[in-house]
Amino acid sequence: FSRLKQFRRVATRYDKLDRHFLAFIHLAATVLWLRDC
């Protein structure tokens, strides 16, 4: 989870709805996963 904190939107949680926040976490995790490949 600490690697996701480099995305400011995850660290500060700008989204009001839980599903939007969770969707961005999935997007950020995918970006991190693709960088590692």
PDB file of N, CA and C in Angstrom:
ATOM      1  N   PHE A   1       0.819  -1.201   0.000  1.00  0.00           N
ATOM      2  CA  PHE A   1       0.000   0.000   0.000  1.00  0.00           C
ATOM      3  C   PHE A   1       0.855   1.254   0.000  1.00  0.00           C
ATOM      4  N   SER A   2       2.062   1.161   0.479  1.00  0.00           N
ATOM      5  CA  SER A   2       2.916   2.349   0.540  1.00  0.00           C
ATOM      6  C   SER A   2       3.283   2.856  -0.850  1.00  0.00           C
ATOM      7  N   ARG A   3       3.381   1.960  -1.817  1.00  0.00           N
ATOM      8  CA  ARG A   3       3.688   2.409  -3.179  1.00  0.00           C
ATOM      9  C   ARG A   3       2.520   3.154  -3.795  1.00  0.00           C
ATOM     10  N   LEU A   4       1.313   2.848  -3.350  1.00  0.00           N
ATOM     11  CA  LEU A   4       0.144   3.573  -3.852  1.00  0.00           C
ATOM     12  C   LEU A   4       0.091   4.996  -3.313  1.00  0.00           C
ATOM     13  N   LYS A   5       0.745   5.240  -2.189  1.00  0.00           N
ATOM     14  CA  LYS A   5       0.717   6.571  -1.572  1.00  0.00           C
ATOM     15  C   LYS A   5       1.448   7.612  -2.412  1.00  0.00           C
ATOM     16  N   GLN A   6       2.249   7.179  -3.397  1.00  0.00           N
ATOM     17  CA  GLN A   6       2.918   8.153  -4.251  1.00  0.00           C
ATOM     18  C   GLN A   6       1.923   8.854  -5.184  1.00  0.00           C
ATOM     19  N   PHE A   7       0.735   8.286  -5.333  1.00  0.00           N
ATOM     20  CA  PHE A   7      -0.324   8.953  -6.070  1.00  0.00           C
ATOM     21  C   PHE A   7      -1.056   9.867  -5.093  1.00  0.00           C
ATOM     22  N   ARG A   8      -0.982  11.157  -5.328  1.00  0.00           N
ATOM     23  CA  ARG A   8      -1.546  12.138  -4.395  1.00  0.00           C
ATOM     24  C   ARG A   8      -3.038  11.928  -4.181  1.00  0.00           C
ATOM     25  N   ARG A   9      -3.714  11.520  -5.218  1.00  0.00           N
ATOM     26  CA  ARG A   9      -5.159  11.319  -5.115  1.00  0.00           C
ATOM     27  C   ARG A   9      -5.505  10.197  -4.142  1.00  0.00           C
ATOM     28  N   VAL A  10      -4.653   9.184  -4.054  1.00  0.00           N
ATOM     29  CA  VAL A  10      -4.887   8.096  -3.103  1.00  0.00           C
ATOM     30  C   VAL A  10      -4.540   8.557  -1.696  1.00  0.00           C
ATOM     31  N   ALA A  11      -3.442   9.276  -1.563  1.00  0.00           N
ATOM     32  CA  ALA A  11      -2.974   9.680  -0.238  1.00  0.00           C
ATOM     33  C   ALA A  11      -3.934  10.661   0.441  1.00  0.00           C
ATOM     34  N   THR A  12      -4.562  11.540  -0.344  1.00  0.00           N
ATOM     35  CA  THR A  12      -5.423  12.555   0.259  1.00  0.00           C
ATOM     36  C   THR A  12      -6.908  12.266   0.100  1.00  0.00           C
ATOM     37  N   ARG A  13      -7.242  11.321  -0.734  1.00  0.00           N
ATOM     38  CA  ARG A  13      -8.629  10.915  -1.004  1.00  0.00           C
ATOM     39  C   ARG A  13      -9.509  12.103  -1.373  1.00  0.00           C
ATOM     40  N   TYR A  14      -9.376  12.548  -2.617  1.00  0.00           N
ATOM     41  CA  TYR A  14     -10.198  13.639  -3.127  1.00  0.00           C
ATOM     42  C   TYR A  14     -11.630  13.202  -3.427  1.00  0.00           C
ATOM     43  N   ASP A  15     -11.819  11.916  -3.728  1.00  0.00           N
ATOM     44  CA  ASP A  15     -13.129  11.430  -4.156  1.00  0.00           C
ATOM     45  C   ASP A  15     -14.095  11.327  -2.983  1.00  0.00           C
ATOM     46  N   LYS A  16     -15.318  11.717  -3.230  1.00  0.00           N
ATOM     47  CA  LYS A  16     -16.343  11.645  -2.189  1.00  0.00           C
ATOM     48  C   LYS A  16     -16.957  10.258  -2.105  1.00  0.00           C
ATOM     49  N   LEU A  17     -17.104   9.599  -3.229  1.00  0.00           N
ATOM     50  CA  LEU A  17     -17.740   8.286  -3.248  1.00  0.00           C
ATOM     51  C   LEU A  17     -16.707   7.176  -3.112  1.00  0.00           C
ATOM     52  N   ASP A  18     -17.054   6.175  -2.344  1.00  0.00           N
ATOM     53  CA  ASP A  18     -16.146   5.047  -2.131  1.00  0.00           C
ATOM     54  C   ASP A  18     -15.810   4.325  -3.426  1.00  0.00           C
ATOM     55  N   ARG A  19     -16.794   4.173  -4.309  1.00  0.00           N
ATOM     56  CA  ARG A  19     -16.539   3.428  -5.546  1.00  0.00           C
ATOM     57  C   ARG A  19     -15.573   4.168  -6.462  1.00  0.00           C
ATOM     58  N   HIS A  20     -15.598   5.502  -6.462  1.00  0.00           N
ATOM     59  CA  HIS A  20     -14.638   6.258  -7.262  1.00  0.00           C
ATOM     60  C   HIS A  20     -13.233   6.113  -6.689  1.00  0.00           C
ATOM     61  N   PHE A  21     -13.137   6.157  -5.374  1.00  0.00           N
ATOM     62  CA  PHE A  21     -11.841   5.982  -4.714  1.00  0.00           C
ATOM     63  C   PHE A  21     -11.281   4.596  -4.996  1.00  0.00           C
ATOM     64  N   LEU A  22     -12.117   3.570  -4.895  1.00  0.00           N
ATOM     65  CA  LEU A  22     -11.684   2.203  -5.158  1.00  0.00           C
ATOM     66  C   LEU A  22     -11.292   2.023  -6.621  1.00  0.00           C
ATOM     67  N   ALA A  23     -12.013   2.663  -7.530  1.00  0.00           N
ATOM     68  CA  ALA A  23     -11.675   2.577  -8.951  1.00  0.00           C
ATOM     69  C   ALA A  23     -10.303   3.193  -9.209  1.00  0.00           C
ATOM     70  N   PHE A  24      -9.998   4.309  -8.557  1.00  0.00           N
ATOM     71  CA  PHE A  24      -8.684   4.914  -8.763  1.00  0.00           C
ATOM     72  C   PHE A  24      -7.584   4.066  -8.142  1.00  0.00           C
ATOM     73  N   ILE A  25      -7.862   3.413  -7.026  1.00  0.00           N
ATOM     74  CA  ILE A  25      -6.872   2.504  -6.440  1.00  0.00           C
ATOM     75  C   ILE A  25      -6.565   1.373  -7.415  1.00  0.00           C
ATOM     76  N   HIS A  26      -7.590   0.831  -8.056  1.00  0.00           N
ATOM     77  CA  HIS A  26      -7.366  -0.215  -9.059  1.00  0.00           C
ATOM     78  C   HIS A  26      -6.541   0.313 -10.224  1.00  0.00           C
ATOM     79  N   LEU A  27      -6.839   1.521 -10.670  1.00  0.00           N
ATOM     80  CA  LEU A  27      -6.086   2.120 -11.768  1.00  0.00           C
ATOM     81  C   LEU A  27      -4.628   2.348 -11.375  1.00  0.00           C
ATOM     82  N   ALA A  28      -4.397   2.880 -10.199  1.00  0.00           N
ATOM     83  CA  ALA A  28      -3.034   3.137  -9.733  1.00  0.00           C
ATOM     84  C   ALA A  28      -2.266   1.833  -9.552  1.00  0.00           C
ATOM     85  N   ALA A  29      -2.923   0.802  -9.036  1.00  0.00           N
ATOM     86  CA  ALA A  29      -2.267  -0.497  -8.869  1.00  0.00           C
ATOM     87  C   ALA A  29      -1.896  -1.091 -10.220  1.00  0.00           C
ATOM     88  N   THR A  30      -2.748  -0.901 -11.214  1.00  0.00           N
ATOM     89  CA  THR A  30      -2.448  -1.389 -12.563  1.00  0.00           C
ATOM     90  C   THR A  30      -1.248  -0.660 -13.145  1.00  0.00           C
ATOM     91  N   VAL A  31      -1.187   0.647 -12.956  1.00  0.00           N
ATOM     92  CA  VAL A  31      -0.042   1.426 -13.448  1.00  0.00           C
ATOM     93  C   VAL A  31       1.248   0.946 -12.788  1.00  0.00           C
ATOM     94  N   LEU A  32       1.216   0.749 -11.480  1.00  0.00           N
ATOM     95  CA  LEU A  32       2.408   0.261 -10.775  1.00  0.00           C
ATOM     96  C   LEU A  32       2.795  -1.128 -11.251  1.00  0.00           C
ATOM     97  N   TRP A  33       1.809  -1.983 -11.494  1.00  0.00           N
ATOM     98  CA  TRP A  33       2.070  -3.341 -11.960  1.00  0.00           C
ATOM     99  C   TRP A  33       2.704  -3.311 -13.344  1.00  0.00           C
ATOM    100  N   LEU A  34       2.212  -2.431 -14.227  1.00  0.00           N
ATOM    101  CA  LEU A  34       2.767  -2.335 -15.578  1.00  0.00           C
ATOM    102  C   LEU A  34       4.181  -1.766 -15.565  1.00  0.00           C
ATOM    103  N   ARG A  35       4.483  -0.878 -14.644  1.00  0.00           N
ATOM    104  CA  ARG A  35       5.849  -0.342 -14.532  1.00  0.00           C
ATOM    105  C   ARG A  35       6.844  -1.420 -14.133  1.00  0.00           C
ATOM    106  N   ASP A  36       6.386  -2.376 -13.328  1.00  0.00           N
ATOM    107  CA  ASP A  36       7.271  -3.446 -12.861  1.00  0.00           C
ATOM    108  C   ASP A  36       7.545  -4.492 -13.933  1.00  0.00           C
ATOM    109  N   CYS A  37       6.683  -4.568 -14.936  1.00  0.00           N
ATOM    110  CA  CYS A  37       6.850  -5.597 -15.978  1.00  0.00           C
ATOM    111  C   CYS A  37       7.968  -5.293 -16.936  1.00  0.00           C
TER     112      CYS A  37
END
